[in-house]
């Protein structure tokens, strides 16, 4: 029964509202246009100063919170490097022509490869993710052009313990 009553009320209300709005609009616009414009203008300046002090209080708290976060970060011990990354690996003869024949960690191999690529300007001008191989790098990569993500996979094949 309650749903039937609610349906009757909702059906009756929309029919009554448009009739009132159509008749009241011209008279309401003329009478309320001037006072309505003045009232919001008077309320806005009063609302803005009230909002500014509230905004200043959190701003004062934020700088105090940042040094606390820095202190917490400073207290944490330094992260230990993974031994697998730091293990010295011997490069193959093809890779040794690019980075040298000294045994170095995998991270240093990648750094030296990028130094060689940037020194020789072997990065593709249009797509910086692609590396154009010269004669030495073709021996390592096995093809003329590779992506920077593929490079580490191909270089890994030329490293041994």
Protein backbone atom coordinates (compact mmCIF):
# COMPACT_ATOMS: atom_id res chain seq x y z
CA UNK A 1 0.00 0.00 0.00
CA UNK A 2 2.81 2.41 0.82
CA UNK A 3 4.30 2.06 -2.64
CA UNK A 4 0.95 2.77 -4.27
CA UNK A 5 0.54 5.96 -2.19
CA UNK A 6 4.08 7.04 -3.01
CA UNK A 7 3.42 6.49 -6.71
CA UNK A 8 0.24 8.59 -6.55
CA UNK A 9 2.04 11.43 -4.77
CA UNK A 10 4.96 11.47 -7.21
CA UNK A 11 2.56 11.41 -10.16
CA UNK A 12 0.59 14.36 -8.75
CA UNK A 13 3.56 16.56 -7.86
CA UNK A 14 5.24 16.86 -11.28
CA UNK A 15 1.96 17.90 -12.90
CA UNK A 16 1.44 20.67 -10.33
CA UNK A 17 5.01 22.03 -10.38
CA UNK A 18 5.30 22.99 -14.06
CA UNK A 19 2.02 24.90 -13.90
CA UNK A 20 3.26 26.94 -10.92
CA UNK A 21 6.67 27.59 -12.46
CA UNK A 22 5.27 28.81 -15.76
CA UNK A 23 2.98 31.32 -14.05
CA UNK A 24 5.49 32.43 -11.42
CA UNK A 25 8.56 32.87 -13.65
CA UNK A 26 7.87 36.29 -15.21
CA UNK A 27 6.72 37.87 -11.95
CA UNK A 28 9.47 36.24 -9.91
CA UNK A 29 12.19 37.35 -12.34
CA UNK A 30 11.19 41.00 -12.18
CA UNK A 31 10.72 41.10 -8.40
CA UNK A 32 13.65 38.93 -7.37
CA UNK A 33 16.27 39.92 -9.97
CA UNK A 34 17.63 42.97 -8.13
CA UNK A 35 17.53 41.71 -4.49
CA UNK A 36 18.87 38.27 -5.47
CA UNK A 37 21.89 39.83 -7.15
CA UNK A 38 22.67 41.99 -4.10
CA UNK A 39 22.30 39.27 -1.48
CA UNK A 40 24.89 36.80 -2.92
CA UNK A 41 27.34 39.65 -3.42
CA UNK A 42 27.02 40.55 0.26
CA UNK A 43 27.40 36.92 1.34
CA UNK A 44 30.49 36.13 -0.77
CA UNK A 45 32.94 38.54 0.95
CA UNK A 46 31.80 37.28 4.34
CA UNK A 47 32.35 33.66 3.27
CA UNK A 48 35.84 34.20 1.84
CA UNK A 49 37.53 35.58 4.99
CA UNK A 50 36.09 32.70 6.99
CA UNK A 51 37.65 30.22 4.55
CA UNK A 52 41.11 31.83 4.57
CA UNK A 53 41.93 31.26 8.26
CA UNK A 54 40.86 27.64 7.90
CA UNK A 55 43.22 27.25 4.94
CA UNK A 56 46.09 28.86 6.86
CA UNK A 57 45.91 26.43 9.76
CA UNK A 58 46.54 23.26 7.65
CA UNK A 59 49.26 25.11 5.75
CA UNK A 60 51.02 25.83 9.04
CA UNK A 61 50.78 22.15 10.01
CA UNK A 62 52.15 20.83 6.69
CA UNK A 63 55.67 22.31 6.99
CA UNK A 64 55.88 20.89 10.50
CA UNK A 65 54.87 17.46 9.19
CA UNK A 66 57.45 17.41 6.37
CA UNK A 67 60.55 17.64 8.61
CA UNK A 68 59.11 14.84 10.71
CA UNK A 69 58.80 12.71 7.57
CA UNK A 70 62.38 13.55 6.61
CA UNK A 71 63.60 12.58 10.08
CA UNK A 72 61.74 9.26 9.84
CA UNK A 73 63.30 8.59 6.45
CA UNK A 74 66.75 9.50 7.75
CA UNK A 75 66.40 7.05 10.65
CA UNK A 76 65.78 4.07 8.36
CA UNK A 77 68.92 2.06 7.67
CA UNK A 78 70.27 2.10 4.11
CA UNK A 79 68.96 -0.69 1.92
CA UNK A 80 71.46 -3.47 1.37
CA UNK A 81 72.29 -4.13 -2.29
CA UNK A 82 71.38 -7.52 -3.68
CA UNK A 83 74.46 -9.72 -3.88
CA UNK A 84 73.37 -11.11 -7.26
CA UNK A 85 73.56 -7.64 -8.82
CA UNK A 86 76.90 -6.88 -7.24
CA UNK A 87 78.63 -10.13 -8.23
CA UNK A 88 81.43 -9.50 -10.72
CA UNK A 89 80.76 -11.18 -14.07
CA UNK A 90 83.18 -11.82 -16.90
CA UNK A 91 82.13 -10.44 -20.30
CA UNK A 92 82.35 -12.46 -23.52
CA UNK A 93 84.96 -11.37 -26.12
CA UNK A 94 82.26 -9.59 -28.16
CA UNK A 95 81.04 -7.64 -25.11
CA UNK A 96 84.60 -7.04 -23.91
CA UNK A 97 85.22 -5.05 -27.12
CA UNK A 98 82.55 -2.59 -25.94
CA UNK A 99 82.98 -2.39 -22.14
CA UNK A 100 86.45 -3.81 -21.55
CA UNK A 101 87.56 -7.28 -20.47
CA UNK A 102 87.59 -6.64 -16.73
CA UNK A 103 85.02 -8.54 -14.61
CA UNK A 104 82.33 -6.08 -13.44
CA UNK A 105 78.88 -6.28 -11.81
CA UNK A 106 75.80 -6.43 -14.01
CA UNK A 107 74.82 -2.86 -13.03
CA UNK A 108 78.19 -1.53 -14.20
CA UNK A 109 77.87 -3.42 -17.49
CA UNK A 110 74.61 -1.61 -18.27
CA UNK A 111 76.14 1.76 -17.30
CA UNK A 112 79.13 1.17 -19.56
CA UNK A 113 76.85 0.09 -22.41
CA UNK A 114 74.88 3.35 -22.10
CA UNK A 115 78.10 5.36 -21.96
CA UNK A 116 79.21 3.68 -25.20
CA UNK A 117 75.81 4.25 -26.86
CA UNK A 118 75.67 7.93 -25.91
CA UNK A 119 79.30 8.55 -26.84
CA UNK A 120 78.74 7.05 -30.30
CA UNK A 121 75.29 8.72 -30.66
CA UNK A 122 73.74 5.33 -31.38
CA UNK A 123 70.29 6.14 -29.97
CA UNK A 124 67.68 6.48 -32.71
CA UNK A 125 66.83 10.16 -33.36
CA UNK A 126 63.10 9.56 -33.86
CA UNK A 127 62.46 6.86 -31.23
CA UNK A 128 64.89 7.25 -28.31
CA UNK A 129 64.00 3.80 -27.00
CA UNK A 130 65.68 2.17 -29.98
CA UNK A 131 69.43 1.65 -30.25
CA UNK A 132 71.13 1.49 -33.66
CA UNK A 133 73.98 -0.99 -33.40
CA UNK A 134 77.42 -0.30 -34.85
CA UNK A 135 79.83 -3.14 -35.75
CA UNK A 136 80.82 -3.87 -32.13
CA UNK A 137 77.23 -3.86 -30.88
CA UNK A 138 76.00 -6.02 -33.78
CA UNK A 139 78.31 -8.75 -32.48
CA UNK A 140 76.64 -8.46 -29.05
CA UNK A 141 73.02 -7.95 -30.12
CA UNK A 142 72.96 -10.07 -33.27
CA UNK A 143 70.89 -7.50 -35.17
CA UNK A 144 71.06 -3.91 -36.38
CA UNK A 145 68.50 -2.31 -34.04
CA UNK A 146 67.19 -3.26 -30.58
CA UNK A 147 65.03 -1.59 -27.93
CA UNK A 148 66.59 -0.46 -24.68
CA UNK A 149 64.54 -3.06 -22.83
CA UNK A 150 65.70 -5.85 -25.10
CA UNK A 151 69.32 -4.69 -24.75
CA UNK A 152 69.69 -5.89 -21.15
CA UNK A 153 68.36 -9.33 -22.08
CA UNK A 154 70.79 -9.66 -24.97
CA UNK A 155 73.75 -8.40 -22.92
CA UNK A 156 72.95 -10.89 -20.15
CA UNK A 157 73.74 -13.74 -22.55
CA UNK A 158 77.30 -12.41 -22.87
CA UNK A 159 78.04 -12.47 -19.13
CA UNK A 160 79.37 -15.45 -17.18
CA UNK A 161 80.66 -16.13 -13.66
